[in-house]
Protein backbone atom coordinates (compact mmCIF):
# COMPACT_ATOMS: atom_id res chain seq x y z
CA MET A 1 14.99 10.87 -26.83
CA CYS A 2 15.37 10.45 -23.12
CA VAL A 3 14.92 12.74 -21.06
CA ARG A 4 16.43 12.53 -17.42
CA PRO A 5 13.84 13.44 -14.60
CA GLN A 6 14.77 16.57 -12.44
CA PRO A 7 13.75 17.29 -9.10
CA ALA A 8 11.02 19.88 -8.14
CA ARG A 9 12.60 23.05 -7.53
CA LEU A 10 9.94 25.32 -5.95
CA ARG A 11 10.39 29.06 -4.59
CA SER A 12 9.51 28.43 -1.05
CA PRO A 13 8.11 31.86 -0.04
CA ALA A 14 5.84 31.62 -3.15
CA VAL A 15 4.67 28.16 -2.83
CA GLU A 16 3.95 28.39 1.06
CA LEU A 17 2.08 31.62 0.48
CA ALA A 18 -0.16 29.65 -2.28
CA ILE A 19 -0.90 26.82 -0.12
CA ARG A 20 -1.73 28.59 2.88
CA ALA A 21 -4.34 30.64 1.08
CA TRP A 22 -5.60 27.48 -0.40
CA LEU A 23 -6.04 25.90 3.21
CA SER A 24 -7.56 29.03 4.65
CA VAL A 25 -10.76 28.37 2.60
CA ALA A 26 -11.30 25.17 4.81
CA TYR A 27 -11.32 27.31 8.02
CA ARG A 28 -13.59 29.76 6.94
CA ARG A 29 -16.47 27.04 5.67
CA TRP A 30 -15.55 24.95 8.66
CA SER A 31 -16.06 28.03 11.05
CA ARG A 32 -19.75 27.95 10.06
CA LYS A 33 -20.22 24.26 10.71
CA ARG A 34 -18.23 23.88 13.75
CA LEU A 35 -18.76 20.46 15.48
CA ASP A 36 -17.08 18.56 18.60
CA VAL A 37 -15.31 15.41 17.01
CA TRP A 38 -16.37 12.91 19.67
CA ASP A 39 -19.51 14.29 20.75
CA SER A 40 -20.61 13.85 16.78
CA ARG A 41 -18.92 10.58 16.99
CA ARG A 42 -20.64 9.50 20.26
CA GLY A 43 -23.84 10.35 18.61
CA LEU A 44 -23.33 8.04 15.70
CA ILE A 45 -22.30 5.06 18.01
CA ARG A 46 -25.78 5.55 20.14
CA ARG A 47 -27.65 5.56 17.02
CA PHE A 48 -25.95 2.87 15.02
CA ALA A 49 -24.76 0.21 17.37
CA PRO A 50 -27.96 -0.96 19.51
CA GLY A 51 -28.83 -4.24 18.42
CA ARG A 52 -26.28 -4.60 15.65
CA THR A 53 -22.80 -6.36 15.19
CA PHE A 54 -20.14 -3.78 15.04
CA LEU A 55 -16.61 -3.90 13.46
CA ASP A 56 -14.10 -1.00 14.21
CA PHE A 57 -11.35 -1.56 11.91
CA GLY A 58 -8.20 0.42 12.88
CA GLY A 59 -9.80 1.45 16.29
CA MET A 60 -6.44 0.74 18.27
CA TRP A 61 -3.62 3.43 17.68
CA SER A 62 -4.27 6.15 19.90
CA VAL A 63 -7.73 5.37 21.55
CA ALA A 64 -7.10 1.84 22.63
CA GLY A 65 -10.54 0.54 21.63
CA GLU A 66 -12.45 3.18 23.04
CA VAL A 67 -15.18 3.30 19.85
CA GLY A 68 -15.76 -0.70 20.51
CA PHE A 69 -16.36 0.19 24.12
CA LEU A 70 -18.81 2.52 23.51
CA ALA A 71 -20.60 0.72 20.88
CA GLU A 72 -20.59 -2.35 23.35
CA ALA A 73 -21.87 -0.20 26.25
CA ALA A 74 -24.60 1.12 23.36
CA GLY A 75 -26.21 -2.28 23.26
CA ALA A 76 -24.22 -3.40 20.02
CA SER A 77 -24.83 -7.38 19.63
CA ARG A 78 -21.37 -8.35 19.25
CA VAL A 79 -18.17 -5.55 18.89
CA MET A 80 -14.97 -6.82 17.05
CA LEU A 81 -11.58 -4.46 16.84
CA ALA A 82 -9.42 -5.39 14.10
CA ASP A 83 -6.14 -3.87 13.57
CA VAL A 84 -2.35 -4.13 12.19
CA MET A 85 -1.13 -3.16 15.86
CA ASP A 86 -1.17 -5.70 18.46
CA PRO A 87 -3.51 -4.67 21.25
CA THR A 88 -2.20 -1.87 23.49
CA GLU A 89 -1.83 -2.73 27.29
CA GLU A 90 -4.36 0.12 27.45
CA PHE A 91 -6.75 -1.70 25.69
CA GLU A 92 -6.30 -5.15 27.41
CA THR A 93 -6.73 -3.26 30.90
CA LYS A 94 -10.02 -1.80 29.52
CA ARG A 95 -11.40 -4.83 28.45
CA ARG A 96 -10.18 -6.93 31.83
CA GLU A 97 -11.79 -3.92 33.97
CA ARG A 98 -15.01 -3.72 31.90
CA GLU A 99 -15.48 -7.43 31.75
CA SER A 100 -15.93 -6.51 28.04
CA ALA A 101 -16.62 -9.29 25.46
CA ILE A 102 -15.15 -6.97 22.70
CA GLU A 103 -13.29 -9.54 20.10
CA TYR A 104 -9.97 -8.53 18.94
CA THR A 105 -8.38 -9.89 15.69
CA HIS A 106 -5.08 -8.78 13.90
CA ALA A 107 -5.68 -7.88 10.51
CA GLU A 108 -4.50 -5.74 7.61
CA LEU A 109 -7.57 -3.96 5.68
CA GLY A 110 -7.50 -4.61 1.97
CA THR A 111 -6.55 -8.18 1.98
CA PRO A 112 -8.38 -11.38 0.60
CA ALA A 113 -7.50 -13.35 3.75
CA THR A 114 -8.67 -10.84 6.26
CA THR A 115 -12.65 -10.74 4.34
CA GLU A 116 -12.68 -14.35 4.52
CA GLY A 117 -11.51 -14.26 8.24
CA LEU A 118 -13.87 -11.39 9.35
CA GLY A 119 -17.32 -12.01 7.34
CA ALA A 120 -19.45 -9.26 7.35
CA PHE A 121 -21.01 -6.83 10.06
CA ASP A 122 -24.01 -4.92 10.21
CA VAL A 123 -22.30 -1.73 11.28
CA VAL A 124 -18.49 -0.99 10.05
CA TRP A 125 -16.49 1.89 11.66
CA CYS A 126 -13.21 2.75 10.07
CA THR A 127 -11.80 6.49 11.14
CA GLY A 128 -8.18 7.57 10.87
CA VAL A 129 -7.25 4.82 8.35
CA LEU A 130 -7.96 5.80 4.70
CA TYR A 131 -5.14 8.38 4.01
CA HIS A 132 -2.89 6.35 5.60
CA THR A 133 -2.84 3.97 2.76
CA PRO A 134 -1.47 4.17 -0.88
CA ASP A 135 -4.77 2.43 -2.14
CA PRO A 136 -7.63 4.10 -0.66
CA ILE A 137 -9.77 2.97 -3.13
CA GLY A 138 -8.86 -0.74 -2.67
CA GLN A 139 -9.39 -0.33 1.00
CA LEU A 140 -12.98 1.22 0.56
CA MET A 141 -13.65 -1.62 -1.86
CA HIS A 142 -12.80 -4.23 1.26
CA LEU A 143 -14.74 -2.18 3.62
CA ARG A 144 -17.90 -2.88 1.15
CA GLN A 145 -17.46 -6.49 1.32
CA LEU A 146 -17.45 -6.26 5.18
CA THR A 147 -20.45 -3.91 5.64
CA ARG A 148 -24.22 -5.02 5.79
CA GLU A 149 -25.84 -2.20 6.70
CA TYR A 150 -23.90 0.92 7.34
CA LEU A 151 -20.18 2.35 7.11
CA VAL A 152 -19.26 5.02 9.13
CA LEU A 153 -15.88 6.44 7.54
CA GLY A 154 -13.67 9.16 8.79
CA SER A 155 -10.85 10.78 7.15
CA VAL A 156 -8.59 13.54 7.01
CA ILE A 157 -9.16 15.80 4.14
CA ALA A 158 -7.79 18.35 1.80
CA PRO A 159 -9.59 21.46 0.79
CA GLU A 160 -11.34 21.72 -2.52
CA VAL A 161 -9.00 22.54 -5.48
CA PRO A 162 -10.80 25.72 -7.26
CA GLY A 163 -11.98 24.58 -11.09
CA LEU A 164 -11.08 20.64 -10.27
CA PRO A 165 -13.57 18.33 -8.74
CA GLN A 166 -12.52 15.19 -7.10
CA ALA A 167 -8.53 16.05 -7.08
CA CYS A 168 -6.28 14.63 -4.66
CA VAL A 169 -3.12 15.49 -3.15
CA PHE A 170 -0.15 12.60 -3.37
CA TYR A 171 2.24 13.51 -0.25
CA PRO A 172 5.10 11.01 -0.50
CA GLN A 173 7.86 12.70 -2.33
CA LEU A 174 6.14 16.05 -2.40
CA PRO A 175 8.80 18.63 -1.87
CA GLU A 176 9.11 20.07 1.92
CA PRO A 177 8.14 23.53 1.03
CA ALA A 178 4.66 22.11 -0.10
CA ARG A 179 4.36 19.40 2.54
CA MET A 180 5.11 21.64 5.57
CA PRO A 181 2.07 24.08 5.52
CA VAL A 182 -0.26 21.15 5.51
CA ALA A 183 1.34 19.65 8.17
CA ARG A 184 1.21 22.62 10.37
CA ALA A 185 -2.62 23.22 9.46
CA LEU A 186 -3.22 20.00 10.73
CA GLY A 187 -1.54 20.35 13.87
CA ALA A 188 1.32 18.74 15.81
CA PRO A 189 3.42 18.48 12.33
CA GLU A 190 6.00 16.32 13.98
CA THR A 191 3.36 13.80 14.47
CA ARG A 192 2.56 13.67 11.01
CA VAL A 193 4.64 10.98 9.65
CA GLY A 194 5.64 11.70 5.70
CA LEU A 195 3.99 14.92 5.62
CA GLY A 196 5.75 17.00 8.75
CA THR A 197 8.45 14.60 8.64
CA PRO A 198 10.12 12.84 5.83
CA PHE A 199 8.51 9.56 4.40
CA ASP A 200 9.04 6.60 6.36
CA TYR A 201 10.00 3.58 4.49
CA SER A 202 10.13 0.84 7.35
CA PRO A 203 7.42 -1.62 7.94
CA VAL A 204 5.86 0.06 10.55
CA GLY A 205 6.10 3.77 9.13
CA TRP A 206 4.27 2.20 5.69
CA PHE A 207 1.24 2.25 7.83
CA ALA A 208 1.49 5.67 9.51
CA ASN A 209 2.93 7.83 6.86
CA TYR A 210 0.42 10.29 5.52
CA TRP A 211 -0.23 9.13 1.75
CA TRP A 212 -3.35 11.21 0.44
CA GLY A 213 -5.13 14.77 0.66
CA ILE A 214 -8.30 13.74 -0.62
CA THR A 215 -10.76 16.43 -1.12
CA PRO A 216 -14.33 15.77 0.08
CA SER A 217 -15.51 15.72 -3.44
CA ALA A 218 -13.03 12.93 -4.11
CA LEU A 219 -14.16 10.97 -1.06
CA ARG A 220 -17.51 10.77 -2.20
CA ALA A 221 -16.70 9.55 -5.36
CA MET A 222 -14.54 7.02 -4.16
CA LEU A 223 -17.25 5.91 -2.02
CA VAL A 224 -19.82 5.76 -4.84
CA THR A 225 -17.11 3.72 -7.23
CA ALA A 226 -16.66 1.28 -4.49
CA SER A 227 -20.21 0.63 -4.05
CA PHE A 228 -21.63 2.77 -1.25
CA GLU A 229 -24.54 5.52 -1.18
CA VAL A 230 -23.21 8.65 1.15
CA VAL A 231 -26.45 9.37 3.63
CA GLU A 232 -24.85 11.62 5.79
CA GLU A 233 -21.40 14.06 6.19
CA TYR A 234 -20.13 15.92 9.13
CA ARG A 235 -17.40 18.12 8.64
CA VAL A 236 -15.95 17.49 12.12
CA ALA A 237 -12.51 19.96 11.75
CA PRO A 238 -11.38 22.32 9.36
CA PHE A 239 -9.50 19.03 7.49
CA MET A 240 -11.39 16.06 8.74
CA MET A 241 -14.73 14.69 7.94
CA ASP A 242 -16.89 11.74 9.03
CA VAL A 243 -19.19 10.14 6.50
CA VAL A 244 -22.34 7.54 7.22
CA ALA A 245 -22.85 5.63 3.73
CA ARG A 246 -24.82 2.44 2.99
CA PRO A 247 -24.02 -0.65 0.68
CA VAL A 248 -25.34 -0.53 -2.70
CA ASN A 249 -25.56 -2.83 -5.67
CA ARG A 250 -24.19 -0.96 -8.52
CA ARG A 251 -22.27 -3.94 -10.86
CA SER A 252 -24.74 -6.40 -12.42
CA GLY A 253 -24.62 -8.41 -15.15
């Protein structure tokens, strides 16, 4: 028997109340562990960059390569920025004014050609990227190939789902009454492409869409599966988490 799929029918008030209650857990827990995002991240750069090669993957959007400039100032031996975006005018101006030796390359995380072209770096920094892809585990496996010593990974997260560890929420096609409370909780919902706005199928929008709500336990499990060991965690916002991980060899034979 063939059953025609039906669109989800959600009772908006009930759904929104349930999701808001789920999201509120993250606020309560984070209020006891409050950190300033960039104070924390600058501290990580100062610790891990000196004397090491440093790759910032995805560091052009909204920050114009600032992480790479900080790594260079902290004493990294070589700094590269890789992104699907072209270099912005702000980035080029900073590079020129600071007489910076930062290298830039156009690259898409998860493609074999990118791995072959970049090689490996002592420290790989990748924040604000993982939840913008349909294949987060594939991206982590690619990051494992690029990482010699440390991966610093930052991701927007979703609260844990009670009774279901390692859960993830797939945002595309999620009805608006379920999407919008999440977008509003993250702030500036109109900027959350595919979450606070309709899903964008254009080539540019494909990389801007929010694809996944990844819980902390799922993020840890993905990292372990991709042959990393999590050594540090920082809850830097109610729905944002930074992780320091080391590559390990889990597959043999």
